[in-house]
Protein backbone atom coordinates (compact mmCIF):
# COMPACT_ATOMS: atom_id res chain seq x y z
CA MET A 1 -73.74 77.00 26.90
CA GLU A 2 -77.02 76.22 28.51
CA LEU A 3 -77.53 74.51 31.58
CA LYS A 4 -78.47 71.36 30.73
CA GLU A 5 -75.59 70.87 27.90
CA MET A 6 -73.14 72.23 30.70
CA ILE A 7 -74.35 69.16 32.68
CA LEU A 8 -73.97 67.00 30.09
CA GLU A 9 -70.52 67.91 28.98
CA GLY A 10 -69.68 67.53 32.75
CA THR A 11 -71.06 64.34 33.29
CA LEU A 12 -69.34 62.91 30.23
CA GLU A 13 -65.58 64.16 31.59
CA VAL A 14 -67.08 62.66 34.71
CA PHE A 15 -67.90 59.59 33.05
CA ASN A 16 -64.78 59.56 31.44
CA ARG A 17 -63.41 59.23 35.02
CA LYS A 18 -65.28 57.80 36.92
CA GLY A 19 -67.22 54.82 34.39
CA ILE A 20 -70.96 54.21 35.49
CA LYS A 21 -69.94 54.63 38.73
CA PHE A 22 -70.34 58.62 39.22
CA THR A 23 -72.27 60.57 41.15
CA MET A 24 -74.25 63.48 41.49
CA ASP A 25 -71.74 64.92 44.21
CA ASP A 26 -68.94 64.24 41.22
CA ILE A 27 -70.70 66.62 38.46
CA ALA A 28 -71.38 69.18 40.92
CA LYS A 29 -67.66 69.55 42.19
CA ALA A 30 -66.44 68.93 38.57
CA LEU A 31 -68.80 71.85 37.12
CA ASN A 32 -68.87 73.81 40.32
CA ILE A 33 -72.05 74.05 40.61
CA SER A 34 -74.41 72.76 43.67
CA LYS A 35 -76.15 69.38 43.53
CA LYS A 36 -79.44 71.39 43.82
CA THR A 37 -78.69 72.99 40.80
CA ILE A 38 -77.78 69.74 38.54
CA TYR A 39 -81.68 68.62 40.61
CA THR A 40 -83.22 71.66 38.63
CA VAL A 41 -82.50 69.82 35.59
CA PHE A 42 -82.49 66.41 35.69
CA ASP A 43 -84.93 64.10 38.43
CA ASP A 44 -81.94 61.73 39.18
CA LYS A 45 -78.78 59.92 37.87
CA GLU A 46 -80.54 57.62 35.73
CA SER A 47 -82.63 60.49 33.93
CA LEU A 48 -79.32 62.29 33.30
CA PHE A 49 -77.67 58.77 31.90
CA MET A 50 -80.33 59.05 29.56
CA ALA A 51 -80.60 62.62 28.24
CA MET A 52 -76.52 61.76 28.12
CA VAL A 53 -76.86 58.45 25.69
CA ASP A 54 -79.61 60.82 23.34
CA TYR A 55 -77.02 63.74 23.78
CA LEU A 56 -74.24 61.42 22.37
CA PHE A 57 -75.96 59.71 19.92
CA ASP A 58 -77.20 62.89 18.64
CA SER A 59 -74.11 64.42 18.26
CA ILE A 60 -72.76 61.84 16.25
CA LYS A 61 -75.82 62.29 13.97
CA GLU A 62 -74.88 65.80 13.70
CA SER A 63 -71.37 65.07 12.69
CA GLU A 64 -72.36 62.48 10.50
CA LYS A 65 -74.57 65.36 8.63
CA GLN A 66 -70.72 66.81 8.70
CA VAL A 67 -69.44 64.04 6.95
CA LEU A 68 -72.34 63.77 4.11
CA LEU A 69 -71.44 67.30 3.30
CA ASP A 70 -67.80 67.59 3.06
CA GLU A 71 -67.50 67.91 -1.02
CA SER A 72 -63.88 66.58 -0.19
CA LEU A 73 -64.75 63.17 0.52
CA ASN A 74 -65.32 60.72 -2.51
CA THR A 75 -68.62 58.11 -1.74
CA GLN A 76 -66.02 55.36 -0.24
CA GLU A 77 -64.12 57.76 2.32
CA LYS A 78 -67.53 58.62 2.98
CA ILE A 79 -68.99 55.61 3.87
CA ARG A 80 -65.69 54.47 5.39
CA LYS A 81 -65.80 57.90 7.64
CA ILE A 82 -70.15 57.87 8.32
CA LEU A 83 -69.48 53.71 9.77
CA GLY A 84 -67.15 54.72 12.19
CA VAL A 85 -68.01 58.52 12.89
CA MET A 86 -67.28 59.88 15.96
CA PRO A 87 -67.36 63.58 17.41
CA GLU A 88 -63.69 64.47 17.65
CA SER A 89 -64.79 65.95 21.19
CA TYR A 90 -65.58 62.43 21.99
CA LYS A 91 -62.55 60.64 20.95
CA ASN A 92 -61.08 60.16 24.13
CA VAL A 93 -64.27 59.34 26.31
CA ASP A 94 -63.53 56.04 27.55
CA PHE A 95 -66.61 54.00 26.60
CA ARG A 96 -65.40 50.69 27.70
CA GLN A 97 -67.24 50.70 31.31
CA LEU A 98 -70.74 50.93 29.18
CA TYR A 99 -70.79 47.00 29.07
CA MET A 100 -72.07 47.52 32.90
CA LEU A 101 -75.05 49.04 31.70
CA ARG A 102 -76.86 45.77 31.22
CA ASP A 103 -77.44 45.08 34.60
CA LYS A 104 -76.93 48.35 36.42
CA TYR A 105 -79.17 50.39 34.39
CA PRO A 106 -81.46 48.32 32.22
CA ALA A 107 -83.81 51.04 30.70
CA ILE A 108 -80.59 52.84 29.88
CA TYR A 109 -79.34 49.72 28.02
CA GLU A 110 -82.21 49.95 26.03
CA ARG A 111 -81.86 53.05 24.97
CA VAL A 112 -78.44 52.58 23.34
CA GLU A 113 -79.53 49.78 21.54
CA GLU A 114 -82.61 51.88 20.56
CA ARG A 115 -80.31 54.42 19.11
CA LEU A 116 -78.21 51.83 17.40
CA GLU A 117 -80.84 50.45 15.66
CA THR A 118 -82.19 53.72 14.43
CA GLY A 119 -81.23 56.39 12.34
CA TRP A 120 -79.74 54.63 9.53
CA GLU A 121 -81.13 56.42 6.27
CA SER A 122 -78.04 58.58 5.47
CA THR A 123 -75.60 55.25 5.66
CA ILE A 124 -77.93 53.26 3.96
CA ALA A 125 -78.28 55.79 1.36
CA LEU A 126 -74.82 56.25 0.87
CA LEU A 127 -74.55 52.67 0.95
CA GLU A 128 -76.89 52.69 -1.91
CA GLN A 129 -74.96 55.13 -3.48
CA GLY A 130 -71.41 53.53 -3.79
CA ILE A 131 -73.35 50.55 -5.30
CA ARG A 132 -74.50 52.46 -8.12
CA GLU A 133 -71.35 54.29 -9.13
CA GLY A 134 -69.38 50.87 -8.50
CA VAL A 135 -67.23 52.03 -5.69
CA ILE A 136 -67.80 49.24 -3.71
CA ARG A 137 -69.31 46.01 -4.67
CA LYS A 138 -73.12 44.82 -4.41
CA VAL A 139 -73.98 43.97 -0.80
CA ASN A 140 -77.20 42.92 1.53
CA ILE A 141 -77.00 46.48 3.36
CA SER A 142 -79.15 44.66 6.05
CA ILE A 143 -76.45 42.55 6.52
CA VAL A 144 -73.82 44.85 6.77
CA LYS A 145 -76.10 47.04 8.61
CA MET A 146 -76.84 44.05 11.31
CA MET A 147 -72.73 43.28 11.39
CA LEU A 148 -71.80 46.85 12.18
CA GLU A 149 -74.72 46.79 14.84
CA ALA A 150 -73.98 43.36 16.09
CA SER A 151 -70.70 44.58 16.76
CA LEU A 152 -71.39 48.00 18.52
CA GLU A 153 -73.54 46.00 20.84
CA GLN A 154 -71.11 43.51 22.13
CA PHE A 155 -69.08 46.10 23.01
CA PHE A 156 -72.08 47.53 25.57
CA GLN A 157 -72.63 43.68 26.32
CA ARG A 158 -69.09 42.67 27.52
CA ASP A 159 -65.91 43.78 28.81
CA ILE A 160 -64.15 42.75 25.60
CA LEU A 161 -62.55 45.92 25.17
CA ILE A 162 -61.45 46.34 28.75
CA ARG A 163 -59.79 42.94 28.62
CA ASN A 164 -58.00 43.61 24.89
CA ASP A 165 -57.22 47.07 26.33
CA MET A 166 -58.83 48.68 23.55
CA ARG A 167 -60.37 51.82 23.17
CA TYR A 168 -64.10 52.09 22.19
CA THR A 169 -62.45 54.16 18.66
CA ASP A 170 -60.26 52.38 18.07
CA ALA A 171 -61.98 48.84 18.03
CA LEU A 172 -64.29 50.87 16.01
CA ASP A 173 -62.11 51.87 13.51
CA GLU A 174 -61.03 47.90 13.20
CA VAL A 175 -64.62 46.57 12.76
CA VAL A 176 -65.39 49.54 9.87
CA HIS A 177 -61.40 48.31 8.34
CA VAL A 178 -62.90 45.07 8.22
CA ILE A 179 -66.19 45.68 6.95
CA MET A 180 -65.02 47.94 4.11
CA ASP A 181 -61.93 46.16 3.20
CA GLY A 182 -62.68 42.52 4.39
CA ILE A 183 -59.45 40.01 6.20
CA THR A 184 -57.54 38.80 3.27
CA ALA A 185 -54.39 40.15 2.92
CA ARG A 186 -53.78 41.95 -0.48
């Protein structure tokens, strides 16, 4: 594993324990390296955090590719999985603290928003395929996209997950369930 990736993985580990209040000392200690070594790769905590956001989203996109290539899944199963995709290694990361980003690190929060709002091409194509196949009803895909984006943004804007003692992955699963199955009892 290259140094940058090792630092990013270590940051995720420390973030999971301390939330956004982690320090460069915490990361250095967790990785058993010097702070100086971290600063050879990242200028400051904010640039490290920005890289971590991109690293997380890039990993999610990689997981999406795996779903799309999984021939054992039908279209409807792929849609359900891709809407709630989360790399296995991040399922236990405590994303509930991310709501603090907006006030403390607005540039990083903007990057999270930007990444949430882009890269939908594969998901949109899969939804269109589901409509063509008749496995999902004809829906306005822009509305589905907006609903999912808005839900995720609310997780990052408010302390809703903490107040409801809910993990991010569980909340994401619930959002996907409501989008895919509605709220009507069957």
